[in-house]
Structures are given as structure tokens and as C-alpha cells.
Amino acid sequence: HQIIAAGHPEEDVRRTVAMLKRNE
């Protein structure tokens, strides 16, 4: 939520966070 509010595209944020969590 904070990262999107800072101006980053929501689609990119969702995709990046999902990849980060999925690859632990």
C-alpha cells in the first residue's frame, strides 16, 4: 500500500511482491 502510494504502478508492485514471497 505504501509503495503504491509512493507512485509505483500497482500491477508491478503486486507482481513483484508475489514473486518475492513465492521464491523464499
mmCIF file of all heavy atoms, coordinates in Angstrom:
data_MODEL
# 
_entry.id   MODEL 
# 
loop_
_atom_site.group_PDB 
_atom_site.id 
_atom_site.type_symbol 
_atom_site.label_atom_id 
_atom_site.label_alt_id 
_atom_site.label_comp_id 
_atom_site.label_asym_id 
_atom_site.label_entity_id 
_atom_site.label_seq_id 
_atom_site.pdbx_PDB_ins_code 
_atom_site.Cartn_x 
_atom_site.Cartn_y 
_atom_site.Cartn_z 
_atom_site.occupancy 
_atom_site.B_iso_or_equiv 
_atom_site.pdbx_formal_charge 
_atom_site.auth_seq_id 
_atom_site.auth_comp_id 
_atom_site.auth_asym_id 
_atom_site.auth_atom_id 
_atom_site.pdbx_PDB_model_num 
ATOM 1   N N   . HIS A 1 1  ? 0.836  -1.209  0.000   1.00 0.00 ? 1  HIS A N   1 
ATOM 2   C CA  . HIS A 1 1  ? 0.000  0.000   0.000   1.00 0.00 ? 1  HIS A CA  1 
ATOM 3   C C   . HIS A 1 1  ? 0.875  1.266   0.000   1.00 0.00 ? 1  HIS A C   1 
ATOM 4   O O   . HIS A 1 1  ? 0.631  2.209   -0.761  1.00 0.00 ? 1  HIS A O   1 
ATOM 5   C CB  . HIS A 1 1  ? -0.925 0.001   1.216   1.00 0.00 ? 1  HIS A CB  1 
ATOM 6   C CG  . HIS A 1 1  ? -1.710 1.260   1.393   1.00 0.00 ? 1  HIS A CG  1 
ATOM 7   N ND1 . HIS A 1 1  ? -2.826 1.549   0.628   1.00 0.00 ? 1  HIS A ND1 1 
ATOM 8   C CD2 . HIS A 1 1  ? -1.539 2.327   2.226   1.00 0.00 ? 1  HIS A CD2 1 
ATOM 9   C CE1 . HIS A 1 1  ? -3.303 2.725   0.986   1.00 0.00 ? 1  HIS A CE1 1 
ATOM 10  N NE2 . HIS A 1 1  ? -2.547 3.220   1.948   1.00 0.00 ? 1  HIS A NE2 1 
ATOM 11  N N   . GLN A 1 2  ? 1.911  1.279   0.841   1.00 0.00 ? 2  GLN A N   1 
ATOM 12  C CA  . GLN A 1 2  ? 2.796  2.441   0.904   1.00 0.00 ? 2  GLN A CA  1 
ATOM 13  C C   . GLN A 1 2  ? 3.593  2.597   -0.387  1.00 0.00 ? 2  GLN A C   1 
ATOM 14  O O   . GLN A 1 2  ? 3.823  3.722   -0.851  1.00 0.00 ? 2  GLN A O   1 
ATOM 15  C CB  . GLN A 1 2  ? 3.766  2.297   2.084   1.00 0.00 ? 2  GLN A CB  1 
ATOM 16  C CG  . GLN A 1 2  ? 3.112  2.409   3.453   1.00 0.00 ? 2  GLN A CG  1 
ATOM 17  C CD  . GLN A 1 2  ? 4.088  2.078   4.564   1.00 0.00 ? 2  GLN A CD  1 
ATOM 18  O OE1 . GLN A 1 2  ? 4.622  0.961   4.639   1.00 0.00 ? 2  GLN A OE1 1 
ATOM 19  N NE2 . GLN A 1 2  ? 4.338  3.040   5.437   1.00 0.00 ? 2  GLN A NE2 1 
ATOM 20  N N   . ILE A 1 3  ? 4.021  1.484   -0.956  1.00 0.00 ? 3  ILE A N   1 
ATOM 21  C CA  . ILE A 1 3  ? 4.836  1.538   -2.172  1.00 0.00 ? 3  ILE A CA  1 
ATOM 22  C C   . ILE A 1 3  ? 4.012  2.065   -3.344  1.00 0.00 ? 3  ILE A C   1 
ATOM 23  O O   . ILE A 1 3  ? 4.485  2.884   -4.150  1.00 0.00 ? 3  ILE A O   1 
ATOM 24  C CB  . ILE A 1 3  ? 5.420  0.144   -2.487  1.00 0.00 ? 3  ILE A CB  1 
ATOM 25  C CG1 . ILE A 1 3  ? 6.300  -0.335  -1.328  1.00 0.00 ? 3  ILE A CG1 1 
ATOM 26  C CG2 . ILE A 1 3  ? 6.236  0.178   -3.776  1.00 0.00 ? 3  ILE A CG2 1 
ATOM 27  C CD1 . ILE A 1 3  ? 6.729  -1.790  -1.431  1.00 0.00 ? 3  ILE A CD1 1 
ATOM 28  N N   . ILE A 1 4  ? 2.760  1.634   -3.420  1.00 0.00 ? 4  ILE A N   1 
ATOM 29  C CA  . ILE A 1 4  ? 1.869  2.134   -4.476  1.00 0.00 ? 4  ILE A CA  1 
ATOM 30  C C   . ILE A 1 4  ? 1.591  3.625   -4.257  1.00 0.00 ? 4  ILE A C   1 
ATOM 31  O O   . ILE A 1 4  ? 1.610  4.419   -5.204  1.00 0.00 ? 4  ILE A O   1 
ATOM 32  C CB  . ILE A 1 4  ? 0.556  1.327   -4.489  1.00 0.00 ? 4  ILE A CB  1 
ATOM 33  C CG1 . ILE A 1 4  ? 0.845  -0.121  -4.904  1.00 0.00 ? 4  ILE A CG1 1 
ATOM 34  C CG2 . ILE A 1 4  ? -0.464 1.961   -5.431  1.00 0.00 ? 4  ILE A CG2 1 
ATOM 35  C CD1 . ILE A 1 4  ? -0.311 -1.073  -4.646  1.00 0.00 ? 4  ILE A CD1 1 
ATOM 36  N N   . ALA A 1 5  ? 1.370  3.990   -2.993  1.00 0.00 ? 5  ALA A N   1 
ATOM 37  C CA  . ALA A 1 5  ? 1.099  5.397   -2.683  1.00 0.00 ? 5  ALA A CA  1 
ATOM 38  C C   . ALA A 1 5  ? 2.278  6.289   -3.041  1.00 0.00 ? 5  ALA A C   1 
ATOM 39  O O   . ALA A 1 5  ? 2.103  7.484   -3.323  1.00 0.00 ? 5  ALA A O   1 
ATOM 40  C CB  . ALA A 1 5  ? 0.756  5.544   -1.198  1.00 0.00 ? 5  ALA A CB  1 
ATOM 41  N N   . ALA A 1 6  ? 3.485  5.725   -3.044  1.00 0.00 ? 6  ALA A N   1 
ATOM 42  C CA  . ALA A 1 6  ? 4.686  6.493   -3.401  1.00 0.00 ? 6  ALA A CA  1 
ATOM 43  C C   . ALA A 1 6  ? 4.817  6.698   -4.900  1.00 0.00 ? 6  ALA A C   1 
ATOM 44  O O   . ALA A 1 6  ? 5.742  7.389   -5.353  1.00 0.00 ? 6  ALA A O   1 
ATOM 45  C CB  . ALA A 1 6  ? 5.927  5.804   -2.855  1.00 0.00 ? 6  ALA A CB  1 
ATOM 46  N N   . GLY A 1 7  ? 3.916  6.061   -5.688  1.00 0.00 ? 7  GLY A N   1 
ATOM 47  C CA  . GLY A 1 7  ? 3.911  6.319   -7.122  1.00 0.00 ? 7  GLY A CA  1 
ATOM 48  C C   . GLY A 1 7  ? 4.267  5.151   -8.010  1.00 0.00 ? 7  GLY A C   1 
ATOM 49  O O   . GLY A 1 7  ? 4.313  5.306   -9.232  1.00 0.00 ? 7  GLY A O   1 
ATOM 50  N N   . HIS A 1 8  ? 4.515  3.986   -7.442  1.00 0.00 ? 8  HIS A N   1 
ATOM 51  C CA  . HIS A 1 8  ? 4.852  2.831   -8.273  1.00 0.00 ? 8  HIS A CA  1 
ATOM 52  C C   . HIS A 1 8  ? 3.582  2.156   -8.792  1.00 0.00 ? 8  HIS A C   1 
ATOM 53  O O   . HIS A 1 8  ? 2.583  2.067   -8.060  1.00 0.00 ? 8  HIS A O   1 
ATOM 54  C CB  . HIS A 1 8  ? 5.692  1.834   -7.474  1.00 0.00 ? 8  HIS A CB  1 
ATOM 55  C CG  . HIS A 1 8  ? 7.043  2.371   -7.108  1.00 0.00 ? 8  HIS A CG  1 
ATOM 56  N ND1 . HIS A 1 8  ? 8.036  2.559   -8.039  1.00 0.00 ? 8  HIS A ND1 1 
ATOM 57  C CD2 . HIS A 1 8  ? 7.562  2.785   -5.919  1.00 0.00 ? 8  HIS A CD2 1 
ATOM 58  C CE1 . HIS A 1 8  ? 9.111  3.061   -7.440  1.00 0.00 ? 8  HIS A CE1 1 
ATOM 59  N NE2 . HIS A 1 8  ? 8.845  3.209   -6.159  1.00 0.00 ? 8  HIS A NE2 1 
ATOM 60  N N   . PRO A 1 9  ? 3.602  1.662   -10.032 1.00 0.00 ? 9  PRO A N   1 
ATOM 61  C CA  . PRO A 1 9  ? 2.394  1.061   -10.616 1.00 0.00 ? 9  PRO A CA  1 
ATOM 62  C C   . PRO A 1 9  ? 1.903  -0.137  -9.793  1.00 0.00 ? 9  PRO A C   1 
ATOM 63  O O   . PRO A 1 9  ? 2.691  -1.009  -9.424  1.00 0.00 ? 9  PRO A O   1 
ATOM 64  C CB  . PRO A 1 9  ? 2.860  0.624   -12.008 1.00 0.00 ? 9  PRO A CB  1 
ATOM 65  C CG  . PRO A 1 9  ? 4.051  1.484   -12.298 1.00 0.00 ? 9  PRO A CG  1 
ATOM 66  C CD  . PRO A 1 9  ? 4.714  1.723   -10.990 1.00 0.00 ? 9  PRO A CD  1 
ATOM 67  N N   . GLU A 1 10 ? 0.616  -0.149  -9.529  1.00 0.00 ? 10 GLU A N   1 
ATOM 68  C CA  . GLU A 1 10 ? 0.064  -1.207  -8.673  1.00 0.00 ? 10 GLU A CA  1 
ATOM 69  C C   . GLU A 1 10 ? 0.316  -2.593  -9.259  1.00 0.00 ? 10 GLU A C   1 
ATOM 70  O O   . GLU A 1 10 ? 0.654  -3.529  -8.530  1.00 0.00 ? 10 GLU A O   1 
ATOM 71  C CB  . GLU A 1 10 ? -1.432 -0.991  -8.469  1.00 0.00 ? 10 GLU A CB  1 
ATOM 72  C CG  . GLU A 1 10 ? -2.067 -2.063  -7.576  1.00 0.00 ? 10 GLU A CG  1 
ATOM 73  C CD  . GLU A 1 10 ? -3.508 -1.772  -7.232  1.00 0.00 ? 10 GLU A CD  1 
ATOM 74  O OE1 . GLU A 1 10 ? -3.980 -0.643  -7.497  1.00 0.00 ? 10 GLU A OE1 1 
ATOM 75  O OE2 . GLU A 1 10 ? -4.179 -2.686  -6.694  1.00 0.00 ? 10 GLU A OE2 1 
ATOM 76  N N   . GLU A 1 11 ? 0.168  -2.724  -10.563 1.00 0.00 ? 11 GLU A N   1 
ATOM 77  C CA  . GLU A 1 11 ? 0.383  -4.034  -11.182 1.00 0.00 ? 11 GLU A CA  1 
ATOM 78  C C   . GLU A 1 11 ? 1.818  -4.518  -10.948 1.00 0.00 ? 11 GLU A C   1 
ATOM 79  O O   . GLU A 1 11 ? 2.052  -5.696  -10.623 1.00 0.00 ? 11 GLU A O   1 
ATOM 80  C CB  . GLU A 1 11 ? 0.096  -3.962  -12.680 1.00 0.00 ? 11 GLU A CB  1 
ATOM 81  C CG  . GLU A 1 11 ? 0.304  -5.292  -13.400 1.00 0.00 ? 11 GLU A CG  1 
ATOM 82  C CD  . GLU A 1 11 ? 0.090  -5.179  -14.908 1.00 0.00 ? 11 GLU A CD  1 
ATOM 83  O OE1 . GLU A 1 11 ? -0.366 -4.106  -15.368 1.00 0.00 ? 11 GLU A OE1 1 
ATOM 84  O OE2 . GLU A 1 11 ? 0.399  -6.153  -15.617 1.00 0.00 ? 11 GLU A OE2 1 
ATOM 85  N N   . ASP A 1 12 ? 2.789  -3.626  -11.098 1.00 0.00 ? 12 ASP A N   1 
ATOM 86  C CA  . ASP A 1 12 ? 4.189  -4.003  -10.884 1.00 0.00 ? 12 ASP A CA  1 
ATOM 87  C C   . ASP A 1 12 ? 4.454  -4.352  -9.424  1.00 0.00 ? 12 ASP A C   1 
ATOM 88  O O   . ASP A 1 12 ? 5.213  -5.282  -9.117  1.00 0.00 ? 12 ASP A O   1 
ATOM 89  C CB  . ASP A 1 12 ? 5.118  -2.867  -11.321 1.00 0.00 ? 12 ASP A CB  1 
ATOM 90  C CG  . ASP A 1 12 ? 5.166  -2.698  -12.827 1.00 0.00 ? 12 ASP A CG  1 
ATOM 91  O OD1 . ASP A 1 12 ? 4.802  -3.654  -13.547 1.00 0.00 ? 12 ASP A OD1 1 
ATOM 92  O OD2 . ASP A 1 12 ? 5.547  -1.603  -13.294 1.00 0.00 ? 12 ASP A OD2 1 
ATOM 93  N N   . VAL A 1 13 ? 3.832  -3.586  -8.517  1.00 0.00 ? 13 VAL A N   1 
ATOM 94  C CA  . VAL A 1 13 ? 4.019  -3.859  -7.088  1.00 0.00 ? 13 VAL A CA  1 
ATOM 95  C C   . VAL A 1 13 ? 3.444  -5.224  -6.741  1.00 0.00 ? 13 VAL A C   1 
ATOM 96  O O   . VAL A 1 13 ? 4.090  -6.034  -6.061  1.00 0.00 ? 13 VAL A O   1 
ATOM 97  C CB  . VAL A 1 13 ? 3.370  -2.758  -6.229  1.00 0.00 ? 13 VAL A CB  1 
ATOM 98  C CG1 . VAL A 1 13 ? 3.447  -3.124  -4.745  1.00 0.00 ? 13 VAL A CG1 1 
ATOM 99  C CG2 . VAL A 1 13 ? 4.067  -1.419  -6.463  1.00 0.00 ? 13 VAL A CG2 1 
ATOM 100 N N   . ARG A 1 14 ? 2.231  -5.498  -7.183  1.00 0.00 ? 14 ARG A N   1 
ATOM 101 C CA  . ARG A 1 14 ? 1.606  -6.787  -6.881  1.00 0.00 ? 14 ARG A CA  1 
ATOM 102 C C   . ARG A 1 14 ? 2.435  -7.941  -7.435  1.00 0.00 ? 14 ARG A C   1 
ATOM 103 O O   . ARG A 1 14 ? 2.660  -8.942  -6.759  1.00 0.00 ? 14 ARG A O   1 
ATOM 104 C CB  . ARG A 1 14 ? 0.187  -6.832  -7.451  1.00 0.00 ? 14 ARG A CB  1 
ATOM 105 C CG  . ARG A 1 14 ? -0.822 -5.982  -6.684  1.00 0.00 ? 14 ARG A CG  1 
ATOM 106 C CD  . ARG A 1 14 ? -2.236 -6.171  -7.211  1.00 0.00 ? 14 ARG A CD  1 
ATOM 107 N NE  . ARG A 1 14 ? -3.200 -5.416  -6.427  1.00 0.00 ? 14 ARG A NE  1 
ATOM 108 C CZ  . ARG A 1 14 ? -3.762 -5.852  -5.299  1.00 0.00 ? 14 ARG A CZ  1 
ATOM 109 N NH1 . ARG A 1 14 ? -3.448 -7.059  -4.825  1.00 0.00 ? 14 ARG A NH1 1 
ATOM 110 N NH2 . ARG A 1 14 ? -4.633 -5.108  -4.647  1.00 0.00 ? 14 ARG A NH2 1 
ATOM 111 N N   . ARG A 1 15 ? 2.889  -7.794  -8.668  1.00 0.00 ? 15 ARG A N   1 
ATOM 112 C CA  . ARG A 1 15 ? 3.650  -8.871  -9.299  1.00 0.00 ? 15 ARG A CA  1 
ATOM 113 C C   . ARG A 1 15 ? 4.990  -9.079  -8.604  1.00 0.00 ? 15 ARG A C   1 
ATOM 114 O O   . ARG A 1 15 ? 5.409  -10.213 -8.346  1.00 0.00 ? 15 ARG A O   1 
ATOM 115 C CB  . ARG A 1 15 ? 3.868  -8.518  -10.781 1.00 0.00 ? 15 ARG A CB  1 
ATOM 116 C CG  . ARG A 1 15 ? 4.516  -9.632  -11.601 1.00 0.00 ? 15 ARG A CG  1 
ATOM 117 C CD  . ARG A 1 15 ? 4.168  -9.515  -13.064 1.00 0.00 ? 15 ARG A CD  1 
ATOM 118 N NE  . ARG A 1 15 ? 4.429  -8.190  -13.596 1.00 0.00 ? 15 ARG A NE  1 
ATOM 119 C CZ  . ARG A 1 15 ? 5.295  -7.951  -14.607 1.00 0.00 ? 15 ARG A CZ  1 
ATOM 120 N NH1 . ARG A 1 15 ? 5.976  -8.940  -15.145 1.00 0.00 ? 15 ARG A NH1 1 
ATOM 121 N NH2 . ARG A 1 15 ? 5.471  -6.726  -15.057 1.00 0.00 ? 15 ARG A NH2 1 
ATOM 122 N N   . THR A 1 16 ? 5.670  -7.989  -8.260  1.00 0.00 ? 16 THR A N   1 
ATOM 123 C CA  . THR A 1 16 ? 6.984  -8.094  -7.622  1.00 0.00 ? 16 THR A CA  1 
ATOM 124 C C   . THR A 1 16 ? 6.880  -8.706  -6.237  1.00 0.00 ? 16 THR A C   1 
ATOM 125 O O   . THR A 1 16 ? 7.657  -9.606  -5.881  1.00 0.00 ? 16 THR A O   1 
ATOM 126 C CB  . THR A 1 16 ? 7.640  -6.704  -7.540  1.00 0.00 ? 16 THR A CB  1 
ATOM 127 O OG1 . THR A 1 16 ? 7.789  -6.167  -8.862  1.00 0.00 ? 16 THR A OG1 1 
ATOM 128 C CG2 . THR A 1 16 ? 8.995  -6.787  -6.863  1.00 0.00 ? 16 THR A CG2 1 
ATOM 129 N N   . VAL A 1 17 ? 5.947  -8.238  -5.437  1.00 0.00 ? 17 VAL A N   1 
ATOM 130 C CA  . VAL A 1 17 ? 5.787  -8.771  -4.076  1.00 0.00 ? 17 VAL A CA  1 
ATOM 131 C C   . VAL A 1 17 ? 5.399  -10.245 -4.134  1.00 0.00 ? 17 VAL A C   1 
ATOM 132 O O   . VAL A 1 17 ? 5.888  -11.061 -3.337  1.00 0.00 ? 17 VAL A O   1 
ATOM 133 C CB  . VAL A 1 17 ? 4.753  -7.942  -3.295  1.00 0.00 ? 17 VAL A CB  1 
ATOM 134 C CG1 . VAL A 1 17 ? 4.399  -8.629  -1.972  1.00 0.00 ? 17 VAL A CG1 1 
ATOM 135 C CG2 . VAL A 1 17 ? 5.290  -6.542  -3.029  1.00 0.00 ? 17 VAL A CG2 1 
ATOM 136 N N   . ALA A 1 18 ? 4.539  -10.603 -5.070  1.00 0.00 ? 18 ALA A N   1 
ATOM 137 C CA  . ALA A 1 18 ? 4.144  -12.009 -5.196  1.00 0.00 ? 18 ALA A CA  1 
ATOM 138 C C   . ALA A 1 18 ? 5.343  -12.884 -5.547  1.00 0.00 ? 18 ALA A C   1 
ATOM 139 O O   . ALA A 1 18 ? 5.524  -13.974 -4.979  1.00 0.00 ? 18 ALA A O   1 
ATOM 140 C CB  . ALA A 1 18 ? 3.049  -12.151 -6.251  1.00 0.00 ? 18 ALA A CB  1 
ATOM 141 N N   . MET A 1 19 ? 6.176  -12.425 -6.478  1.00 0.00 ? 19 MET A N   1 
ATOM 142 C CA  . MET A 1 19 ? 7.367  -13.191 -6.845  1.00 0.00 ? 19 MET A CA  1 
ATOM 143 C C   . MET A 1 19 ? 8.330  -13.300 -5.665  1.00 0.00 ? 19 MET A C   1 
ATOM 144 O O   . MET A 1 19 ? 8.913  -14.361 -5.420  1.00 0.00 ? 19 MET A O   1 
ATOM 145 C CB  . MET A 1 19 ? 8.075  -12.547 -8.042  1.00 0.00 ? 19 MET A CB  1 
ATOM 146 C CG  . MET A 1 19 ? 7.344  -12.716 -9.356  1.00 0.00 ? 19 MET A CG  1 
ATOM 147 S SD  . MET A 1 19 ? 8.305  -12.154 -10.797 1.00 0.00 ? 19 MET A SD  1 
ATOM 148 C CE  . MET A 1 19 ? 8.318  -10.377 -10.536 1.00 0.00 ? 19 MET A CE  1 
ATOM 149 N N   . LEU A 1 20 ? 8.491  -12.200 -4.945  1.00 0.00 ? 20 LEU A N   1 
ATOM 150 C CA  . LEU A 1 20 ? 9.418  -12.202 -3.819  1.00 0.00 ? 20 LEU A CA  1 
ATOM 151 C C   . LEU A 1 20 ? 8.987  -13.228 -2.768  1.00 0.00 ? 20 LEU A C   1 
ATOM 152 O O   . LEU A 1 20 ? 9.808  -14.008 -2.270  1.00 0.00 ? 20 LEU A O   1 
ATOM 153 C CB  . LEU A 1 20 ? 9.488  -10.800 -3.220  1.00 0.00 ? 20 LEU A CB  1 
ATOM 154 C CG  . LEU A 1 20 ? 10.676 -10.493 -2.302  1.00 0.00 ? 20 LEU A CG  1 
ATOM 155 C CD1 . LEU A 1 20 ? 10.992 -9.012  -2.347  1.00 0.00 ? 20 LEU A CD1 1 
ATOM 156 C CD2 . LEU A 1 20 ? 10.405 -10.905 -0.872  1.00 0.00 ? 20 LEU A CD2 1 
ATOM 157 N N   . LYS A 1 21 ? 7.704  -13.248 -2.446  1.00 0.00 ? 21 LYS A N   1 
ATOM 158 C CA  . LYS A 1 21 ? 7.213  -14.177 -1.425  1.00 0.00 ? 21 LYS A CA  1 
ATOM 159 C C   . LYS A 1 21 ? 7.239  -15.620 -1.923  1.00 0.00 ? 21 LYS A C   1 
ATOM 160 O O   . LYS A 1 21 ? 7.538  -16.545 -1.164  1.00 0.00 ? 21 LYS A O   1 
ATOM 161 C CB  . LYS A 1 21 ? 5.801  -13.768 -1.004  1.00 0.00 ? 21 LYS A CB  1 
ATOM 162 C CG  . LYS A 1 21 ? 5.757  -12.401 -0.321  1.00 0.00 ? 21 LYS A CG  1 
ATOM 163 C CD  . LYS A 1 21 ? 4.353  -11.913 -0.097  1.00 0.00 ? 21 LYS A CD  1 
ATOM 164 C CE  . LYS A 1 21 ? 3.651  -12.695 0.992   1.00 0.00 ? 21 LYS A CE  1 
ATOM 165 N NZ  . LYS A 1 21 ? 2.331  -12.101 1.306   1.00 0.00 ? 21 LYS A NZ  1 
ATOM 166 N N   . ARG A 1 22 ? 6.936  -15.811 -3.183  1.00 0.00 ? 22 ARG A N   1 
ATOM 167 C CA  . ARG A 1 22 ? 6.838  -17.156 -3.746  1.00 0.00 ? 22 ARG A CA  1 
ATOM 168 C C   . ARG A 1 22 ? 8.189  -17.867 -3.813  1.00 0.00 ? 22 ARG A C   1 
ATOM 169 O O   . ARG A 1 22 ? 8.249  -19.105 -3.820  1.00 0.00 ? 22 ARG A O   1 
ATOM 170 C CB  . ARG A 1 22 ? 6.218  -17.066 -5.141  1.00 0.00 ? 22 ARG A CB  1 
ATOM 171 C CG  . ARG A 1 22 ? 5.916  -18.401 -5.788  1.00 0.00 ? 22 ARG A CG  1 
ATOM 172 C CD  . ARG A 1 22 ? 5.066  -18.219 -7.038  1.00 0.00 ? 22 ARG A CD  1 
ATOM 173 N NE  . ARG A 1 22 ? 5.700  -17.422 -8.069  1.00 0.00 ? 22 ARG A NE  1 
ATOM 174 C CZ  . ARG A 1 22 ? 5.234  -16.267 -8.527  1.00 0.00 ? 22 ARG A CZ  1 
ATOM 175 N NH1 . ARG A 1 22 ? 4.133  -15.740 -8.017  1.00 0.00 ? 22 ARG A NH1 1 
ATOM 176 N NH2 . ARG A 1 22 ? 5.868  -15.624 -9.496  1.00 0.00 ? 22 ARG A NH2 1 
ATOM 177 N N   . ASN A 1 23 ? 9.263  -17.096 -3.848  1.00 0.00 ? 23 ASN A N   1 
ATOM 178 C CA  . ASN A 1 23 ? 10.580 -17.690 -4.091  1.00 0.00 ? 23 ASN A CA  1 
ATOM 179 C C   . ASN A 1 23 ? 11.459 -17.771 -2.852  1.00 0.00 ? 23 ASN A C   1 
ATOM 180 O O   . ASN A 1 23 ? 12.669 -17.965 -2.969  1.00 0.00 ? 23 ASN A O   1 
ATOM 181 C CB  . ASN A 1 23 ? 11.288 -16.920 -5.198  1.00 0.00 ? 23 ASN A CB  1 
ATOM 182 C CG  . ASN A 1 23 ? 10.673 -17.203 -6.549  1.00 0.00 ? 23 ASN A CG  1 
ATOM 183 O OD1 . ASN A 1 23 ? 10.861 -18.287 -7.098  1.00 0.00 ? 23 ASN A OD1 1 
ATOM 184 N ND2 . ASN A 1 23 ? 9.910  -16.251 -7.078  1.00 0.00 ? 23 ASN A ND2 1 
ATOM 185 N N   . GLU A 1 24 ? 10.861 -17.667 -1.668  1.00 0.00 ? 24 GLU A N   1 
ATOM 186 C CA  . GLU A 1 24 ? 11.647 -17.804 -0.446  1.00 0.00 ? 24 GLU A CA  1 
ATOM 187 C C   . GLU A 1 24 ? 12.334 -19.162 -0.385  1.00 0.00 ? 24 GLU A C   1 
ATOM 188 O O   . GLU A 1 24 ? 13.479 -19.286 0.068   1.00 0.00 ? 24 GLU A O   1 
ATOM 189 C CB  . GLU A 1 24 ? 10.763 -17.587 0.779   1.00 0.00 ? 24 GLU A CB  1 
ATOM 190 C CG  . GLU A 1 24 ? 11.514 -17.595 2.102   1.00 0.00 ? 24 GLU A CG  1 
ATOM 191 C CD  . GLU A 1 24 ? 12.530 -16.472 2.213   1.00 0.00 ? 24 GLU A CD  1 
ATOM 192 O OE1 . GLU A 1 24 ? 12.268 -15.359 1.712   1.00 0.00 ? 24 GLU A OE1 1 
ATOM 193 O OE2 . GLU A 1 24 ? 13.607 -16.704 2.795   1.00 0.00 ? 24 GLU A OE2 1 
# 
